[in-house]
């Protein structure tokens, strides 16, 4: 008999591939029995909020927004690393300027497209006329 689905004498189906999580196990993939006491909704403690945020990975520091522009040459920008694609960047320069640049680079087929938005920055204490 080639079929894996067998009907026994009492007309009950016997399927060896039935989905019974309590009975069917594969060596190395057993279901662990855990108690509900291991799960809780504990509130974060003050020392969790007092920690500094993690440092930025070094790959994210090389953005096309910060790449120096060369007006005299028609050379293209370097290819962006995969880590900087689909991230929004802000130009961080010293000294402060009256305009800030936001940049976003994404891939379109085989090309890379970078959109840069220049936005005026209002300084604190400055008044609009």
C-alpha atoms as a PDB file:
ATOM      1  CA  UNK A   1       0.000   0.000   0.000  1.00  0.00           C
ATOM      2  CA  UNK A   2       1.591   3.289  -1.148  1.00  0.00           C
ATOM      3  CA  UNK A   3      -0.804   5.740   0.430  1.00  0.00           C
ATOM      4  CA  UNK A   4       0.143   7.459   3.692  1.00  0.00           C
ATOM      5  CA  UNK A   5      -3.511   8.053   4.580  1.00  0.00           C
ATOM      6  CA  UNK A   6      -4.992   4.883   6.061  1.00  0.00           C
ATOM      7  CA  UNK A   7      -8.464   4.107   7.375  1.00  0.00           C
ATOM      8  CA  UNK A   8      -8.412   1.655  10.292  1.00  0.00           C
ATOM      9  CA  UNK A   9     -11.063  -0.904  11.226  1.00  0.00           C
ATOM     10  CA  UNK A  10     -13.127   1.612  13.226  1.00  0.00           C
ATOM     11  CA  UNK A  11     -13.353   3.923  10.167  1.00  0.00           C
ATOM     12  CA  UNK A  12     -11.104   6.546  11.772  1.00  0.00           C
ATOM     13  CA  UNK A  13      -8.509   8.284   9.655  1.00  0.00           C
ATOM     14  CA  UNK A  14      -4.911   7.716  10.630  1.00  0.00           C
ATOM     15  CA  UNK A  15      -2.713  10.470   9.188  1.00  0.00           C
ATOM     16  CA  UNK A  16       0.946  10.284  10.217  1.00  0.00           C
ATOM     17  CA  UNK A  17       1.416  13.955   9.184  1.00  0.00           C
ATOM     18  CA  UNK A  18      -1.400  15.326  11.350  1.00  0.00           C
ATOM     19  CA  UNK A  19      -0.669  18.632  13.059  1.00  0.00           C
ATOM     20  CA  UNK A  20      -0.633  17.634  16.713  1.00  0.00           C
ATOM     21  CA  UNK A  21       2.030  19.776  18.380  1.00  0.00           C
ATOM     22  CA  UNK A  22       1.991  17.674  21.540  1.00  0.00           C
ATOM     23  CA  UNK A  23       2.793  14.409  19.766  1.00  0.00           C
ATOM     24  CA  UNK A  24       4.805  15.107  16.625  1.00  0.00           C
ATOM     25  CA  UNK A  25       8.358  16.210  17.357  1.00  0.00           C
ATOM     26  CA  UNK A  26      11.546  16.319  15.366  1.00  0.00           C
ATOM     27  CA  UNK A  27      14.833  15.657  17.107  1.00  0.00           C
ATOM     28  CA  UNK A  28      16.438  18.990  17.997  1.00  0.00           C
ATOM     29  CA  UNK A  29      13.208  20.956  17.530  1.00  0.00           C
ATOM     30  CA  UNK A  30      11.232  19.931  20.593  1.00  0.00           C
ATOM     31  CA  UNK A  31       8.674  22.353  22.004  1.00  0.00           C
ATOM     32  CA  UNK A  32       9.936  23.838  25.250  1.00  0.00           C
ATOM     33  CA  UNK A  33       7.592  23.946  28.195  1.00  0.00           C
ATOM     34  CA  UNK A  34       7.769  27.387  29.838  1.00  0.00           C
ATOM     35  CA  UNK A  35       5.741  28.949  32.571  1.00  0.00           C
ATOM     36  CA  UNK A  36       3.843  32.206  32.235  1.00  0.00           C
ATOM     37  CA  UNK A  37       5.914  33.740  35.033  1.00  0.00           C
ATOM     38  CA  UNK A  38       8.753  34.446  32.581  1.00  0.00           C
ATOM     39  CA  UNK A  39       6.632  36.960  30.653  1.00  0.00           C
ATOM     40  CA  UNK A  40       5.809  40.353  32.110  1.00  0.00           C
ATOM     41  CA  UNK A  41       5.201  43.956  31.161  1.00  0.00           C
ATOM     42  CA  UNK A  42       7.763  45.606  33.395  1.00  0.00           C
ATOM     43  CA  UNK A  43       8.098  49.364  33.102  1.00  0.00           C
ATOM     44  CA  UNK A  44      11.535  50.677  32.109  1.00  0.00           C
ATOM     45  CA  UNK A  45      13.579  51.858  35.033  1.00  0.00           C
ATOM     46  CA  UNK A  46      15.195  55.283  35.353  1.00  0.00           C
ATOM     47  CA  UNK A  47      18.654  53.879  34.664  1.00  0.00           C
ATOM     48  CA  UNK A  48      17.361  52.557  31.312  1.00  0.00           C
ATOM     49  CA  UNK A  49      16.389  56.077  30.240  1.00  0.00           C
ATOM     50  CA  UNK A  50      19.558  57.686  31.625  1.00  0.00           C
ATOM     51  CA  UNK A  51      21.852  55.789  29.257  1.00  0.00           C
ATOM     52  CA  UNK A  52      23.148  57.517  26.133  1.00  0.00           C
ATOM     53  CA  UNK A  53      21.796  56.314  22.804  1.00  0.00           C
ATOM     54  CA  UNK A  54      24.047  53.968  20.839  1.00  0.00           C
ATOM     55  CA  UNK A  55      26.746  55.461  18.645  1.00  0.00           C
ATOM     56  CA  UNK A  56      26.116  55.814  14.925  1.00  0.00           C
ATOM     57  CA  UNK A  57      27.807  53.061  12.913  1.00  0.00           C
ATOM     58  CA  UNK A  58      30.777  54.384  10.921  1.00  0.00           C
ATOM     59  CA  UNK A  59      29.123  53.439   7.602  1.00  0.00           C
ATOM     60  CA  UNK A  60      26.372  55.992   8.191  1.00  0.00           C
ATOM     61  CA  UNK A  61      28.841  58.863   8.594  1.00  0.00           C
ATOM     62  CA  UNK A  62      29.888  58.844   4.905  1.00  0.00           C
ATOM     63  CA  UNK A  63      26.895  60.445   3.236  1.00  0.00           C
ATOM     64  CA  UNK A  64      26.572  62.175  -0.106  1.00  0.00           C
ATOM     65  CA  UNK A  65      25.124  65.257   1.614  1.00  0.00           C
ATOM     66  CA  UNK A  66      28.483  65.925   3.254  1.00  0.00           C
ATOM     67  CA  UNK A  67      30.498  65.242   0.089  1.00  0.00           C
ATOM     68  CA  UNK A  68      32.290  68.411  -1.084  1.00  0.00           C
ATOM     69  CA  UNK A  69      30.952  69.810  -4.342  1.00  0.00           C
ATOM     70  CA  UNK A  70      33.371  70.572  -7.139  1.00  0.00           C
ATOM     71  CA  UNK A  71      31.894  73.043  -9.616  1.00  0.00           C
ATOM     72  CA  UNK A  72      34.802  72.879 -12.078  1.00  0.00           C
ATOM     73  CA  UNK A  73      34.721  69.136 -12.762  1.00  0.00           C
ATOM     74  CA  UNK A  74      31.929  67.083 -14.239  1.00  0.00           C
ATOM     75  CA  UNK A  75      32.884  63.919 -12.412  1.00  0.00           C
ATOM     76  CA  UNK A  76      30.159  61.953 -10.729  1.00  0.00           C
ATOM     77  CA  UNK A  77      29.859  61.356  -7.028  1.00  0.00           C
ATOM     78  CA  UNK A  78      31.231  58.125  -5.571  1.00  0.00           C
ATOM     79  CA  UNK A  79      28.866  55.153  -5.397  1.00  0.00           C
ATOM     80  CA  UNK A  80      27.049  55.101  -2.051  1.00  0.00           C
ATOM     81  CA  UNK A  81      27.462  52.214   0.333  1.00  0.00           C
ATOM     82  CA  UNK A  82      24.462  49.946   0.764  1.00  0.00           C
ATOM     83  CA  UNK A  83      24.223  50.929   4.428  1.00  0.00           C
ATOM     84  CA  UNK A  84      23.346  54.562   3.633  1.00  0.00           C
ATOM     85  CA  UNK A  85      20.532  53.802   1.177  1.00  0.00           C
ATOM     86  CA  UNK A  86      16.985  54.683   2.274  1.00  0.00           C
ATOM     87  CA  UNK A  87      18.062  56.831   5.227  1.00  0.00           C
ATOM     88  CA  UNK A  88      17.309  60.507   5.768  1.00  0.00           C
ATOM     89  CA  UNK A  89      20.396  62.583   6.556  1.00  0.00           C
ATOM     90  CA  UNK A  90      20.923  66.097   7.811  1.00  0.00           C
ATOM     91  CA  UNK A  91      24.044  68.071   7.038  1.00  0.00           C
ATOM     92  CA  UNK A  92      25.987  68.623  10.234  1.00  0.00           C
ATOM     93  CA  UNK A  93      28.514  71.410   9.837  1.00  0.00           C
ATOM     94  CA  UNK A  94      30.344  73.772  12.092  1.00  0.00           C
ATOM     95  CA  UNK A  95      29.879  76.829  12.053  1.00  0.00           C
ATOM     96  CA  UNK A  96      26.123  77.041  11.973  1.00  0.00           C
ATOM     97  CA  UNK A  97      24.518  78.203   8.733  1.00  0.00           C
ATOM     98  CA  UNK A  98      21.201  79.778   7.860  1.00  0.00           C
ATOM     99  CA  UNK A  99      20.287  76.827   5.604  1.00  0.00           C
ATOM    100  CA  UNK A 100      20.204  73.137   6.454  1.00  0.00           C
ATOM    101  CA  UNK A 101      20.406  70.326   3.886  1.00  0.00           C
ATOM    102  CA  UNK A 102      18.404  67.111   4.160  1.00  0.00           C
ATOM    103  CA  UNK A 103      19.421  64.257   1.871  1.00  0.00           C
ATOM    104  CA  UNK A 104      17.948  60.909   0.885  1.00  0.00           C
ATOM    105  CA  UNK A 105      19.583  58.355  -1.438  1.00  0.00           C
ATOM    106  CA  UNK A 106      17.788  55.396  -2.972  1.00  0.00           C
ATOM    107  CA  UNK A 107      18.407  52.927  -5.757  1.00  0.00           C
ATOM    108  CA  UNK A 108      16.366  53.003  -8.969  1.00  0.00           C
ATOM    109  CA  UNK A 109      17.204  49.919 -11.039  1.00  0.00           C
ATOM    110  CA  UNK A 110      20.959  50.261 -11.624  1.00  0.00           C
ATOM    111  CA  UNK A 111      21.215  53.967 -10.775  1.00  0.00           C
ATOM    112  CA  UNK A 112      21.383  55.814  -7.466  1.00  0.00           C
ATOM    113  CA  UNK A 113      19.181  58.858  -6.955  1.00  0.00           C
ATOM    114  CA  UNK A 114      19.927  61.425  -4.259  1.00  0.00           C
ATOM    115  CA  UNK A 115      17.351  64.061  -3.421  1.00  0.00           C
ATOM    116  CA  UNK A 116      18.527  67.055  -1.400  1.00  0.00           C
ATOM    117  CA  UNK A 117      16.164  69.511   0.272  1.00  0.00           C
ATOM    118  CA  UNK A 118      17.528  72.870   1.425  1.00  0.00           C
ATOM    119  CA  UNK A 119      15.533  74.467   4.204  1.00  0.00           C
ATOM    120  CA  UNK A 120      16.101  77.806   5.933  1.00  0.00           C
ATOM    121  CA  UNK A 121      16.780  77.537   9.635  1.00  0.00           C
ATOM    122  CA  UNK A 122      15.404  80.078  12.069  1.00  0.00           C
ATOM    123  CA  UNK A 123      17.763  80.861  14.872  1.00  0.00           C
ATOM    124  CA  UNK A 124      16.532  81.141  18.410  1.00  0.00           C
ATOM    125  CA  UNK A 125      15.834  84.702  19.352  1.00  0.00           C
ATOM    126  CA  UNK A 126      15.566  85.807  15.717  1.00  0.00           C
ATOM    127  CA  UNK A 127      12.475  87.754  14.732  1.00  0.00           C
ATOM    128  CA  UNK A 128      10.616  87.517  11.442  1.00  0.00           C
ATOM    129  CA  UNK A 129      10.054  90.772   9.592  1.00  0.00           C
END
